[in-house]
N, C-alpha and C. Protein backbone atom coordinates (compact mmCIF):
# COMPACT_ATOMS: atom_id res chain seq x y z
N MET A 1 8.77 16.05 7.26
CA MET A 1 9.96 15.78 8.11
C MET A 1 11.03 15.24 7.10
N THR A 2 12.14 15.52 7.62
CA THR A 2 13.44 15.03 6.83
C THR A 2 13.61 13.51 6.95
N LEU A 3 14.56 12.95 6.11
CA LEU A 3 14.79 11.53 6.24
C LEU A 3 15.58 11.36 7.65
N GLU A 4 16.41 12.20 8.01
CA GLU A 4 17.10 12.08 9.25
C GLU A 4 16.14 12.03 10.54
N GLN A 5 15.04 12.96 10.47
CA GLN A 5 14.20 13.01 11.51
C GLN A 5 13.20 11.80 11.49
N ALA A 6 12.91 11.31 10.33
CA ALA A 6 12.13 9.94 10.28
C ALA A 6 13.04 8.74 10.84
N LYS A 7 14.32 8.76 10.49
CA LYS A 7 15.05 7.78 11.12
C LYS A 7 15.23 7.87 12.65
N GLN A 8 15.19 8.93 13.14
CA GLN A 8 15.13 9.16 14.65
C GLN A 8 13.82 8.66 15.23
N HIS A 9 12.66 8.97 14.63
CA HIS A 9 11.45 8.62 15.08
C HIS A 9 11.32 7.02 14.97
N ILE A 10 11.86 6.54 13.84
CA ILE A 10 11.69 4.93 13.75
C ILE A 10 12.45 4.41 14.81
N GLN A 11 13.74 4.82 15.00
CA GLN A 11 14.50 4.08 16.08
C GLN A 11 13.89 4.27 17.53
N ARG A 12 13.28 5.30 17.75
CA ARG A 12 12.59 5.41 19.08
C ARG A 12 11.24 4.45 19.09
N CYS A 13 10.66 4.32 18.13
CA CYS A 13 9.52 3.57 17.95
C CYS A 13 9.98 2.11 18.17
N ALA A 14 11.02 1.61 17.41
CA ALA A 14 11.66 0.29 17.65
C ALA A 14 11.92 0.10 18.93
N GLU A 15 12.54 0.96 19.62
CA GLU A 15 13.06 0.81 21.05
C GLU A 15 11.80 0.61 21.95
N ARG A 16 10.92 1.44 21.84
CA ARG A 16 9.67 1.43 22.51
C ARG A 16 8.80 0.10 22.33
N MET A 17 8.66 -0.31 21.16
CA MET A 17 8.06 -1.52 20.84
C MET A 17 8.70 -2.71 21.47
N ASN A 18 10.12 -2.87 21.20
CA ASN A 18 10.81 -3.85 21.92
C ASN A 18 10.82 -3.93 23.35
N ALA A 19 10.69 -2.72 24.10
CA ALA A 19 10.53 -2.68 25.50
C ALA A 19 9.17 -3.17 25.89
N ALA A 20 8.15 -2.70 25.19
CA ALA A 20 6.80 -3.12 25.61
C ALA A 20 6.64 -4.66 25.39
N TYR A 21 7.21 -5.22 24.37
CA TYR A 21 7.13 -6.48 23.97
C TYR A 21 8.06 -7.43 24.71
N HIS A 22 9.04 -6.88 25.39
CA HIS A 22 10.08 -7.68 26.07
C HIS A 22 10.91 -8.60 25.04
N ASP A 23 10.91 -8.21 23.90
CA ASP A 23 11.70 -8.88 22.83
C ASP A 23 11.65 -8.06 21.58
N ILE A 24 12.46 -8.43 20.69
CA ILE A 24 12.47 -7.70 19.35
C ILE A 24 11.12 -8.06 18.62
N VAL A 25 10.54 -7.04 18.18
CA VAL A 25 9.16 -7.09 17.31
C VAL A 25 9.63 -7.23 15.99
N PHE A 26 10.36 -6.22 15.28
CA PHE A 26 10.89 -6.33 13.99
C PHE A 26 12.44 -6.04 14.09
N ASP A 27 13.12 -7.10 13.28
CA ASP A 27 14.41 -6.82 13.47
C ASP A 27 15.10 -6.12 12.09
N GLU A 28 14.03 -5.78 11.23
CA GLU A 28 14.40 -5.03 10.04
C GLU A 28 13.44 -3.82 9.91
N TRP A 29 14.10 -2.69 9.63
CA TRP A 29 13.38 -1.47 9.41
C TRP A 29 14.00 -0.83 8.21
N ALA A 30 13.29 -0.52 7.26
CA ALA A 30 13.66 0.04 5.93
C ALA A 30 12.82 1.08 5.46
N LEU A 31 13.42 2.33 4.96
CA LEU A 31 12.73 3.22 4.39
C LEU A 31 12.97 3.15 2.83
N ILE A 32 11.94 3.01 2.04
CA ILE A 32 11.90 2.87 0.65
C ILE A 32 11.24 4.05 -0.05
N SER A 33 11.81 4.39 -1.04
CA SER A 33 11.13 5.45 -2.03
C SER A 33 10.73 4.76 -3.18
N PHE A 34 9.39 4.81 -3.57
CA PHE A 34 8.87 4.13 -4.77
C PHE A 34 8.44 5.35 -5.73
N MET A 35 9.39 6.03 -6.27
CA MET A 35 9.05 7.02 -7.33
C MET A 35 9.03 6.32 -8.64
N GLU A 36 8.18 6.68 -9.32
CA GLU A 36 7.86 6.03 -10.76
C GLU A 36 8.05 4.58 -10.72
N ARG A 37 7.57 3.92 -9.71
CA ARG A 37 7.48 2.36 -9.62
C ARG A 37 8.99 1.86 -9.40
N ARG A 38 9.89 2.52 -9.17
CA ARG A 38 11.29 2.26 -8.95
C ARG A 38 11.65 2.23 -7.59
N GLY A 39 11.97 1.26 -6.82
CA GLY A 39 12.24 1.28 -5.42
C GLY A 39 13.73 1.64 -5.21
N THR A 40 13.85 2.59 -4.18
CA THR A 40 15.21 3.06 -3.80
C THR A 40 15.33 2.81 -2.39
N LEU A 41 16.36 2.22 -1.80
CA LEU A 41 16.44 2.10 -0.45
C LEU A 41 17.10 3.44 0.18
N LEU A 42 16.41 4.02 1.09
CA LEU A 42 16.65 5.23 1.63
C LEU A 42 17.45 5.04 3.04
N SER A 43 17.07 4.08 3.72
CA SER A 43 17.63 3.74 5.13
C SER A 43 17.30 2.31 5.39
N TYR A 44 18.19 1.67 6.08
CA TYR A 44 18.10 0.32 6.45
C TYR A 44 18.67 0.04 7.78
N THR A 45 18.00 -0.63 8.68
CA THR A 45 18.56 -1.14 9.98
C THR A 45 18.14 -2.50 10.06
N GLY A 46 19.08 -3.41 10.27
CA GLY A 46 18.75 -4.93 10.36
C GLY A 46 19.94 -5.71 10.04
N PRO A 47 19.83 -7.03 10.02
CA PRO A 47 20.87 -8.07 9.86
C PRO A 47 21.38 -8.37 8.64
N ARG A 48 20.60 -8.00 7.44
CA ARG A 48 20.92 -8.35 6.20
C ARG A 48 20.86 -7.25 5.02
N ARG A 49 21.56 -6.23 5.11
CA ARG A 49 21.28 -5.17 4.22
C ARG A 49 21.45 -5.62 2.70
N GLU A 50 22.33 -6.12 2.28
CA GLU A 50 22.75 -6.60 0.96
C GLU A 50 21.64 -7.68 0.54
N GLU A 51 21.37 -8.60 1.32
CA GLU A 51 20.33 -9.56 0.95
C GLU A 51 18.95 -8.90 0.97
N PHE A 52 18.73 -7.92 1.82
CA PHE A 52 17.44 -7.27 1.77
C PHE A 52 17.34 -6.62 0.44
N GLN A 53 18.35 -5.85 -0.01
CA GLN A 53 18.14 -5.28 -1.43
C GLN A 53 17.90 -6.29 -2.45
N LYS A 54 18.77 -7.27 -2.37
CA LYS A 54 18.72 -8.25 -3.51
C LYS A 54 17.40 -8.95 -3.66
N ASN A 55 16.88 -9.43 -2.47
CA ASN A 55 15.62 -10.24 -2.39
C ASN A 55 14.35 -9.29 -2.18
N PHE A 56 14.37 -8.09 -2.15
CA PHE A 56 13.23 -7.23 -1.83
C PHE A 56 11.98 -7.61 -2.75
N ALA A 57 12.22 -7.88 -4.01
CA ALA A 57 11.02 -8.21 -4.84
C ALA A 57 10.33 -9.46 -4.40
N ALA A 58 11.04 -10.41 -4.05
CA ALA A 58 10.55 -11.70 -3.54
C ALA A 58 9.90 -11.52 -2.27
N ASP A 59 10.65 -10.97 -1.23
CA ASP A 59 10.20 -10.66 0.10
C ASP A 59 9.02 -9.68 0.44
N ILE A 60 8.74 -8.96 -0.53
CA ILE A 60 7.56 -8.12 -0.41
C ILE A 60 6.32 -8.80 -1.08
N LYS A 61 6.36 -10.01 -1.53
CA LYS A 61 5.33 -10.67 -2.42
C LYS A 61 4.05 -10.62 -1.69
N ASP A 62 3.96 -10.80 -0.43
CA ASP A 62 2.74 -10.97 0.37
C ASP A 62 1.98 -9.62 0.53
N LEU A 63 2.78 -8.49 0.33
CA LEU A 63 2.18 -7.17 0.58
C LEU A 63 2.34 -6.21 -0.78
N ARG A 64 2.76 -6.96 -1.95
CA ARG A 64 3.09 -6.25 -2.99
C ARG A 64 1.83 -5.48 -3.62
N VAL A 65 0.66 -6.11 -3.62
CA VAL A 65 -0.49 -5.47 -4.26
C VAL A 65 -0.89 -4.22 -3.44
N GLU A 66 -0.89 -4.44 -2.09
CA GLU A 66 -1.29 -3.42 -1.15
C GLU A 66 -0.30 -2.26 -1.37
N LEU A 67 1.08 -2.67 -1.29
CA LEU A 67 2.12 -1.64 -1.33
C LEU A 67 2.13 -0.68 -2.60
N LEU A 68 1.88 -1.30 -3.76
CA LEU A 68 1.85 -0.62 -4.98
C LEU A 68 0.47 -0.19 -5.49
N SER A 69 -0.55 -0.34 -4.63
CA SER A 69 -2.02 0.07 -5.13
C SER A 69 -2.14 1.64 -5.02
N ASN A 70 -1.50 2.37 -4.37
CA ASN A 70 -1.67 3.69 -4.27
C ASN A 70 -3.01 4.13 -3.67
N THR A 71 -3.52 3.32 -2.93
CA THR A 71 -4.82 3.49 -2.25
C THR A 71 -4.62 3.79 -0.72
N HIS A 72 -3.39 3.82 -0.22
CA HIS A 72 -3.12 4.08 1.17
C HIS A 72 -2.57 5.56 1.30
N GLY A 73 -3.13 6.36 2.27
CA GLY A 73 -2.73 7.54 2.64
C GLY A 73 -1.45 7.44 3.57
N VAL A 74 -0.94 8.61 3.79
CA VAL A 74 0.26 8.68 4.64
C VAL A 74 -0.25 8.45 6.03
N GLY A 75 0.51 7.56 6.63
CA GLY A 75 0.17 7.13 8.03
C GLY A 75 -0.50 5.80 8.04
N ASP A 76 -1.09 5.41 6.82
CA ASP A 76 -1.81 4.07 6.86
C ASP A 76 -0.66 2.91 6.78
N PHE A 77 -1.33 1.68 7.27
CA PHE A 77 -0.25 0.53 7.34
C PHE A 77 -1.10 -0.70 7.07
N GLU A 78 -0.25 -1.67 6.70
CA GLU A 78 -0.74 -3.07 6.33
C GLU A 78 0.04 -4.13 7.04
N PHE A 79 -0.55 -5.15 7.36
CA PHE A 79 0.20 -6.39 8.00
C PHE A 79 -0.07 -7.60 6.98
N ALA A 80 0.99 -8.42 6.89
CA ALA A 80 0.98 -9.72 6.30
C ALA A 80 0.98 -10.74 7.40
N ARG A 81 -0.04 -11.30 7.95
CA ARG A 81 -0.04 -12.18 9.06
C ARG A 81 0.59 -13.44 8.76
N GLN A 82 0.65 -13.95 7.64
CA GLN A 82 1.26 -15.26 7.34
C GLN A 82 2.64 -15.20 6.84
N ALA A 83 3.21 -14.09 6.70
CA ALA A 83 4.65 -13.94 6.14
C ALA A 83 5.63 -14.55 7.08
N VAL A 84 6.44 -15.40 6.59
CA VAL A 84 7.40 -16.13 7.37
C VAL A 84 8.92 -15.84 6.79
N GLY A 85 9.81 -15.87 7.87
CA GLY A 85 11.18 -15.70 7.50
C GLY A 85 11.49 -14.25 6.95
N THR A 86 12.19 -14.14 5.94
CA THR A 86 12.47 -12.84 5.36
C THR A 86 11.27 -12.19 4.65
N LYS A 87 10.18 -12.86 4.49
CA LYS A 87 9.07 -12.20 3.80
C LYS A 87 8.59 -11.08 4.74
N VAL A 88 8.39 -9.86 4.19
CA VAL A 88 7.97 -8.70 4.87
C VAL A 88 6.62 -8.89 5.54
N GLU A 89 6.63 -8.41 6.93
CA GLU A 89 5.51 -8.48 7.72
C GLU A 89 4.56 -7.27 7.61
N ALA A 90 5.12 -5.99 7.52
CA ALA A 90 4.40 -4.94 7.44
C ALA A 90 4.91 -3.63 6.70
N PHE A 91 4.07 -2.81 6.26
CA PHE A 91 4.46 -1.46 5.69
C PHE A 91 3.74 -0.40 6.40
N LEU A 92 4.20 0.81 6.36
CA LEU A 92 3.61 1.97 6.97
C LEU A 92 4.01 3.12 5.85
N VAL A 93 3.04 3.82 5.37
CA VAL A 93 3.17 4.82 4.49
C VAL A 93 3.75 6.04 5.23
N ALA A 94 5.16 6.50 4.89
CA ALA A 94 5.67 7.65 5.59
C ALA A 94 5.63 8.90 4.90
N GLY A 95 5.40 8.82 3.63
CA GLY A 95 5.10 10.06 2.92
C GLY A 95 4.71 9.61 1.48
N LEU A 96 4.75 10.62 0.61
CA LEU A 96 4.24 10.23 -0.76
C LEU A 96 5.32 9.47 -1.52
N GLY A 97 4.93 8.31 -1.85
CA GLY A 97 5.93 7.33 -2.38
C GLY A 97 6.93 6.92 -1.48
N VAL A 98 6.90 7.05 -0.14
CA VAL A 98 7.85 6.55 0.86
C VAL A 98 7.18 5.73 1.78
N TYR A 99 7.81 4.58 1.93
CA TYR A 99 7.25 3.44 2.80
C TYR A 99 8.21 2.89 3.85
N LEU A 100 7.84 2.82 5.03
CA LEU A 100 8.57 2.09 6.00
C LEU A 100 8.26 0.60 5.99
N ILE A 101 9.20 -0.33 5.69
CA ILE A 101 8.94 -1.67 5.63
C ILE A 101 9.53 -2.39 6.92
N CYS A 102 8.72 -3.18 7.59
CA CYS A 102 8.93 -3.70 8.83
C CYS A 102 9.03 -5.30 8.82
N ASN A 103 9.93 -5.89 9.40
CA ASN A 103 9.97 -7.34 9.21
C ASN A 103 10.77 -7.90 10.40
N HIS A 104 10.51 -9.09 10.70
CA HIS A 104 11.09 -9.98 11.67
C HIS A 104 11.71 -11.13 10.81
N THR A 105 13.11 -11.27 10.68
CA THR A 105 13.59 -12.41 9.66
C THR A 105 13.40 -13.65 10.04
N ARG A 106 12.87 -13.95 11.34
CA ARG A 106 12.86 -15.36 11.81
C ARG A 106 11.49 -15.72 12.33
N ARG A 107 10.50 -14.85 12.52
CA ARG A 107 9.18 -15.09 13.03
C ARG A 107 8.12 -14.34 12.02
N SER A 108 6.93 -14.93 12.16
CA SER A 108 5.87 -14.40 11.36
C SER A 108 5.05 -13.47 12.21
N MET A 109 4.40 -12.76 11.46
CA MET A 109 3.38 -11.75 12.19
C MET A 109 2.38 -12.42 13.12
N ASP A 110 2.00 -13.59 12.50
CA ASP A 110 1.06 -14.39 13.34
C ASP A 110 1.64 -14.97 14.63
N GLU A 111 2.86 -15.38 14.62
CA GLU A 111 3.56 -15.53 15.92
C GLU A 111 3.77 -14.49 16.76
N ILE A 112 4.23 -13.24 16.28
CA ILE A 112 4.38 -12.12 17.05
C ILE A 112 3.10 -11.77 17.84
N THR A 113 2.02 -11.82 16.96
CA THR A 113 0.73 -11.16 17.71
C THR A 113 0.07 -12.28 18.68
N LYS A 114 0.59 -13.38 18.66
CA LYS A 114 0.11 -14.41 19.85
C LYS A 114 0.42 -14.02 21.14
N SER A 115 1.49 -13.18 21.39
CA SER A 115 1.75 -12.73 22.62
C SER A 115 0.84 -11.71 23.22
N PRO A 116 0.28 -11.79 24.37
CA PRO A 116 -0.45 -10.64 24.94
C PRO A 116 0.27 -9.32 24.87
N LEU A 117 1.68 -9.43 24.88
CA LEU A 117 2.32 -8.15 24.96
C LEU A 117 2.29 -7.38 23.59
N TRP A 118 1.89 -8.02 22.62
CA TRP A 118 1.78 -7.31 21.34
C TRP A 118 0.76 -6.16 21.47
N LEU A 119 -0.18 -6.20 22.21
CA LEU A 119 -1.18 -5.15 22.22
C LEU A 119 -0.49 -3.85 22.68
N ASN A 120 0.42 -3.88 23.74
CA ASN A 120 1.03 -2.68 24.06
C ASN A 120 2.11 -2.34 23.26
N ALA A 121 2.76 -3.18 22.64
CA ALA A 121 3.81 -2.97 21.61
C ALA A 121 3.19 -2.14 20.24
N GLN A 122 1.94 -2.45 20.00
CA GLN A 122 1.35 -1.66 18.88
C GLN A 122 1.23 -0.18 19.17
N ILE A 123 1.23 0.22 20.43
CA ILE A 123 0.96 1.66 20.72
C ILE A 123 2.08 2.63 20.06
N PRO A 124 3.31 2.44 20.25
CA PRO A 124 4.32 3.09 19.60
C PRO A 124 4.38 2.96 18.02
N PHE A 125 3.82 1.94 17.50
CA PHE A 125 3.81 1.83 15.92
C PHE A 125 2.66 2.76 15.57
N VAL A 126 1.41 2.84 16.30
CA VAL A 126 0.41 3.62 15.82
C VAL A 126 0.77 5.04 15.90
N GLU A 127 1.52 5.45 17.10
CA GLU A 127 2.00 6.74 17.28
C GLU A 127 2.89 7.24 16.15
N LEU A 128 3.86 6.27 15.72
CA LEU A 128 4.71 6.61 14.60
C LEU A 128 3.89 6.83 13.31
N SER A 129 2.89 6.03 13.25
CA SER A 129 1.89 6.20 12.06
C SER A 129 1.30 7.76 12.01
N ASP A 130 0.78 8.05 13.22
CA ASP A 130 0.25 9.33 13.50
C ASP A 130 1.36 10.57 13.23
N GLN A 131 2.51 10.25 13.68
CA GLN A 131 3.58 11.30 13.30
C GLN A 131 3.81 11.53 11.87
N PHE A 132 3.88 10.41 11.08
CA PHE A 132 3.97 10.52 9.61
C PHE A 132 2.74 11.09 9.02
N ARG A 133 1.53 10.86 9.55
CA ARG A 133 0.32 11.55 9.01
C ARG A 133 0.35 13.02 9.34
N ALA A 134 0.95 13.51 10.45
CA ALA A 134 0.91 14.88 10.83
C ALA A 134 2.14 15.53 10.08
N ASP A 135 3.21 14.88 9.71
CA ASP A 135 4.44 15.42 9.18
C ASP A 135 5.10 14.31 8.32
N ARG A 136 4.58 14.31 7.14
CA ARG A 136 5.10 13.16 6.20
C ARG A 136 6.64 13.35 5.95
N VAL A 137 7.16 12.18 5.49
CA VAL A 137 8.61 12.40 5.04
C VAL A 137 8.77 12.80 3.60
N VAL A 138 9.58 13.87 3.47
CA VAL A 138 9.65 14.43 2.17
C VAL A 138 11.14 14.27 1.79
N ILE A 139 11.28 13.64 0.58
CA ILE A 139 12.69 13.37 -0.04
C ILE A 139 12.94 14.38 -1.06
N PRO A 140 14.01 15.16 -0.86
CA PRO A 140 14.37 16.25 -1.86
C PRO A 140 14.58 15.56 -3.23
N ALA A 141 14.34 16.35 -4.22
CA ALA A 141 14.39 15.78 -5.55
C ALA A 141 15.86 15.81 -6.11
């Protein structure tokens, strides 16, 4: 899938998650390309674009090992349950070297998952994971 198609799928996923949760689950969604260990921001939706780019290395700390391990296949995801504030709560592998970063800038994943509505909010996220698994994001060279 193209970057534009991925952005449309991500937007629909965010809308569906928020509707199921009756609140915002993640207020930041970013597609990042990690080609040759160098991160490039491909797309960002959220309240702090410049700060996100500037603080990305620190904010990804809780998921850095998993993110850079190259052990996850397309469609796989990880959560950092204790990440607080701008620390990244989740990533999803969207393509080869392409990752969707998900975050809530004011709440931790632990707080988010305490709501019983979290169970239904996961469904669109897993469906997005399956979409990427079936048709991964490809960034032209």
